[in-house]
Structure formats: structure tokens, C-alpha cells
Protein backbone atom coordinates (compact mmCIF):
# COMPACT_ATOMS: atom_id res chain seq x y z
CA UNK A 1 0.09 0.02 -0.08
CA UNK A 2 1.22 3.63 -0.82
CA UNK A 3 2.70 5.08 2.64
CA UNK A 4 1.31 8.92 1.74
CA UNK A 5 -2.01 7.62 1.07
CA UNK A 6 -3.93 9.40 3.79
CA UNK A 7 -1.80 12.53 3.22
CA UNK A 8 -2.49 12.71 -0.65
CA UNK A 9 -6.50 12.39 0.20
CA UNK A 10 -6.75 14.62 2.81
CA UNK A 11 -4.78 16.90 0.26
CA UNK A 12 -7.20 15.71 -2.69
CA UNK A 13 -9.99 16.67 -0.91
CA UNK A 14 -9.06 20.25 0.37
CA UNK A 15 -8.23 20.87 -3.42
CA UNK A 16 -11.72 19.78 -4.42
CA UNK A 17 -13.22 21.98 -1.58
CA UNK A 18 -11.32 25.20 -2.87
CA UNK A 19 -12.44 24.36 -6.71
CA UNK A 20 -15.74 24.45 -5.32
CA UNK A 21 -15.64 27.94 -3.30
CA UNK A 22 -18.68 30.11 -4.42
CA UNK A 23 -17.48 34.01 -4.96
CA UNK A 24 -19.74 37.00 -5.38
CA UNK A 25 -19.28 39.81 -7.61
CA UNK A 26 -18.28 42.68 -5.74
CA UNK A 27 -21.03 45.64 -5.17
CA UNK A 28 -20.04 49.06 -7.06
CA UNK A 29 -20.10 51.91 -5.37
CA UNK A 30 -19.46 54.32 -7.95
CA UNK A 31 -16.44 55.90 -5.84
CA UNK A 32 -13.33 55.69 -7.55
CA UNK A 33 -11.43 56.21 -4.43
CA UNK A 34 -12.84 53.83 -2.26
CA UNK A 35 -11.68 50.68 -2.34
CA UNK A 36 -14.46 47.82 -3.42
CA UNK A 37 -15.64 46.13 -0.61
CA UNK A 38 -14.06 42.49 -0.13
CA UNK A 39 -16.33 39.84 -1.97
CA UNK A 40 -18.36 37.46 -0.09
CA UNK A 41 -16.77 34.28 -0.38
CA UNK A 42 -18.44 30.96 0.97
CA UNK A 43 -15.50 28.59 2.08
CA UNK A 44 -15.92 24.97 2.45
CA UNK A 45 -14.63 23.29 5.25
CA UNK A 46 -11.50 20.79 4.45
CA UNK A 47 -8.95 18.73 6.05
CA UNK A 48 -5.29 19.28 5.25
CA UNK A 49 -1.92 17.64 6.56
CA UNK A 50 0.12 19.97 8.32
CA UNK A 51 2.92 17.94 9.71
CA UNK A 52 2.81 17.85 13.60
CA UNK A 53 0.14 21.02 14.28
CA UNK A 54 -2.88 18.69 13.49
CA UNK A 55 -5.85 18.81 11.01
CA UNK A 56 -5.87 22.20 9.17
CA UNK A 57 -9.74 23.73 8.36
CA UNK A 58 -11.07 26.89 6.27
CA UNK A 59 -13.20 28.90 8.28
CA UNK A 60 -16.16 26.81 9.50
CA UNK A 61 -17.97 25.33 12.71
CA UNK A 62 -20.31 23.05 11.18
CA UNK A 63 -19.87 19.66 10.08
CA UNK A 64 -18.65 18.42 6.23
CA UNK A 65 -19.02 15.41 4.51
CA UNK A 66 -15.56 13.85 4.51
CA UNK A 67 -14.52 10.71 2.35
CA UNK A 68 -14.61 7.56 4.53
CA UNK A 69 -11.26 6.48 2.54
CA UNK A 70 -9.27 9.03 4.60
CA UNK A 71 -9.33 6.73 8.08
CA UNK A 72 -8.84 3.42 6.39
CA UNK A 73 -5.66 3.10 7.56
CA UNK A 74 -5.51 5.30 10.42
CA UNK A 75 -3.23 4.52 13.44
CA UNK A 76 -4.44 4.41 16.80
CA UNK A 77 -3.97 7.03 19.86
CA UNK A 78 -5.30 7.43 23.27
CA UNK A 79 -8.20 10.43 23.48
CA UNK A 80 -11.00 10.46 25.27
CA UNK A 81 -14.37 12.32 24.85
CA UNK A 82 -15.86 12.98 28.36
CA UNK A 83 -18.93 14.96 27.37
CA UNK A 84 -21.02 14.78 24.80
CA UNK A 85 -24.22 17.50 24.60
CA UNK A 86 -23.78 16.93 28.41
CA UNK A 87 -23.59 13.80 28.28
CA UNK A 88 -21.43 11.18 29.71
CA UNK A 89 -19.69 8.48 28.15
CA UNK A 90 -21.57 5.41 27.60
CA UNK A 91 -24.74 6.63 27.23
CA UNK A 92 -27.57 5.32 24.94
CA UNK A 93 -27.69 6.61 21.74
CA UNK A 94 -27.66 10.42 21.90
CA UNK A 95 -30.38 11.88 19.91
CA UNK A 96 -29.50 15.28 18.26
CA UNK A 97 -31.74 17.20 15.90
CA UNK A 98 -30.45 17.79 12.01
CA UNK A 99 -30.49 21.70 12.84
CA UNK A 100 -29.01 21.39 16.33
CA UNK A 101 -25.17 21.12 17.70
CA UNK A 102 -22.96 19.09 18.75
CA UNK A 103 -21.15 20.50 21.93
CA UNK A 104 -18.26 18.22 23.34
CA UNK A 105 -15.36 18.26 25.66
CA UNK A 106 -12.41 15.98 25.98
CA UNK A 107 -8.74 15.36 25.53
CA UNK A 108 -6.35 13.86 22.66
CA UNK A 109 -2.97 13.04 21.96
CA UNK A 110 -0.86 11.64 19.13
CA UNK A 111 0.71 8.08 19.38
CA UNK A 112 3.84 10.19 20.96
CA UNK A 113 1.52 11.68 23.45
CA UNK A 114 1.60 14.99 22.32
CA UNK A 115 -1.13 17.35 22.17
CA UNK A 116 -2.39 18.35 18.50
CA UNK A 117 -3.05 21.87 17.82
CA UNK A 118 -6.27 20.92 15.78
CA UNK A 119 -8.11 17.87 15.70
CA UNK A 120 -11.56 16.77 14.39
CA UNK A 121 -14.92 15.46 15.62
CA UNK A 122 -15.46 12.52 12.75
CA UNK A 123 -19.45 11.35 12.65
CA UNK A 124 -19.12 7.55 10.30
CA UNK A 125 -22.35 6.15 9.56
CA UNK A 126 -23.64 6.19 6.12
CA UNK A 127 -21.58 8.52 5.41
CA UNK A 128 -18.67 10.41 7.26
CA UNK A 129 -18.63 13.72 8.18
CA UNK A 130 -16.24 15.83 10.33
CA UNK A 131 -16.00 19.40 12.20
CA UNK A 132 -12.45 20.43 12.97
CA UNK A 133 -11.75 22.64 16.22
CA UNK A 134 -8.87 23.62 18.24
CA UNK A 135 -7.39 21.55 21.28
CA UNK A 136 -4.84 23.44 23.74
CA UNK A 137 -6.87 23.50 26.96
CA UNK A 138 -4.99 22.82 30.18
CA UNK A 139 -5.67 19.19 31.02
CA UNK A 140 -2.81 18.75 34.06
CA UNK A 141 -4.50 15.47 34.98
CA UNK A 142 -4.10 14.05 31.61
CA UNK A 143 -0.24 15.03 31.51
CA UNK A 144 -0.04 13.07 35.25
CA UNK A 145 -1.49 9.72 33.97
CA UNK A 146 0.26 9.62 30.77
CA UNK A 147 3.31 10.49 32.73
CA UNK A 148 4.42 13.09 30.14
CA UNK A 149 4.36 16.96 30.52
CA UNK A 150 3.83 17.35 26.49
CA UNK A 151 0.05 15.85 27.31
CA UNK A 152 -0.57 18.53 29.62
CA UNK A 153 -2.81 20.94 26.57
CA UNK A 154 -4.51 17.99 25.42
CA UNK A 155 -7.76 19.44 26.27
CA UNK A 156 -10.43 20.74 23.58
CA UNK A 157 -14.09 22.03 23.95
CA UNK A 158 -15.88 21.82 20.51
CA UNK A 159 -18.99 23.10 19.16
CA UNK A 160 -19.83 22.37 15.51
CA UNK A 161 -23.55 22.52 13.51
CA UNK A 162 -25.56 19.74 12.53
CA UNK A 163 -26.68 21.29 9.08
CA UNK A 164 -25.83 19.31 6.26
CA UNK A 165 -25.70 16.25 8.21
CA UNK A 166 -27.64 13.46 6.80
CA UNK A 167 -30.01 11.93 9.60
CA UNK A 168 -29.05 8.29 10.68
CA UNK A 169 -27.26 6.94 13.52
CA UNK A 170 -23.45 7.50 13.86
CA UNK A 171 -20.27 6.36 15.77
CA UNK A 172 -18.15 9.05 17.21
CA UNK A 173 -14.42 9.57 16.66
CA UNK A 174 -11.70 11.88 17.12
CA UNK A 175 -9.13 12.25 14.27
CA UNK A 176 -6.01 14.50 14.04
CA UNK A 177 -3.17 14.09 11.33
CA UNK A 178 0.01 13.96 12.94
CA UNK A 179 3.31 13.78 11.10
CA UNK A 180 1.41 13.32 8.07
CA UNK A 181 -0.40 10.47 9.27
CA UNK A 182 -3.76 10.09 9.86
CA UNK A 183 -4.82 8.82 13.54
CA UNK A 184 -8.43 7.80 14.71
CA UNK A 185 -9.47 7.48 18.19
CA UNK A 186 -12.95 5.41 18.93
CA UNK A 187 -14.84 7.17 22.01
CA UNK A 188 -17.43 5.65 23.45
CA UNK A 189 -20.65 7.23 22.08
CA UNK A 190 -23.07 6.95 19.33
CA UNK A 191 -25.52 9.62 17.78
CA UNK A 192 -28.89 9.55 16.14
CA UNK A 193 -29.28 12.98 13.79
CA UNK A 194 -32.97 13.33 13.27
């Protein structure tokens, strides 16, 4: 198998998303001395490999569809999703409205026990979706348990809108792109989008 397949897949997704950007024409003000207003740009969210800084993303805050093939050869790394919409791990299926939000908190490190700058919360079902957020919240408890100071900023809080996510049941994962390799961490949550 080609060793850079995940990175190439992420890069392909980013390029495809960039090609689908919609730009509206700037409005004419009639005043030659004033700068034209910046065009309104609708930027799709895209996952892009970025070395050891985690997953990068265009401005977003929502889930976007991603190619399931991105995660086929993913490695595992430690993580925990402590809360999902105020529910603890192991709860029955968490039901969320299709126009609602996912609010999550937990921690994530890579296989070297380093905190990523960014990560994605991934929903895997009939289709796959991802929302990207920043890590970096202080978690001294994680550093203490993993016995590595670099894990002390592994915490995160994420809020993302489900608009555009198809109704259905999904397994929840945390993903990151670290050192050009996808890491996918299963967590003990499932959601139903209705």
C-alpha cells in the first residue's frame, strides 16, 4: 500500500473543496477613490495535512462530508470524549436534531503523546462527516496520568452545527493528522441525527 495515501487523500479533499468555492461579485459603489468591498466568499471546510500541527481547516464551525477512505489506514492514539451534549460516555444513543449543535469536551494526543493543535470530531455512518476544532485546553490530569508534560494541553471544547448532516446513526471518533499520518480514536459515544 502507498505510504502517503492518507495525506494525499486529505490534500485531494482540500483541493476539491477549494475548487468549489463560490465567490459573489463585489457591489459597485460608483466611488473610484474608495476600495471596493471584499467579495463574500463561502469557504468549505477541508481537512489538510499539516505536519505535526494537526488538522487544518477553512473557517467553519459545522460538520462537512468527508471521504471515508481517509480513515482506512488510520493509526490509533489515546483520547477521551468526556462529555457530548452534556451526556457522559457509555450513555445510550445521544439524539440530536439535524439543525442542532454538537457540544463536546475531552482530550486528545497523538501516538507520541503530544497534544495536537487541531483535531476533528468525526461522525461515521452511512456517510462520514467531520468538524475541526482546536485543542490546547489545560489538562494537567492527562499529563499526570500519561506521565508526559507535553500532554498537559491536550484538552478541547468543540461546538459544531449539524446542518447538512444526513439523518441517521453515527459512531463518534476523534481524528488528527500528525506527522502526515491520520490518527483515529474511537470514543464511547453514538449519536442519532433526526
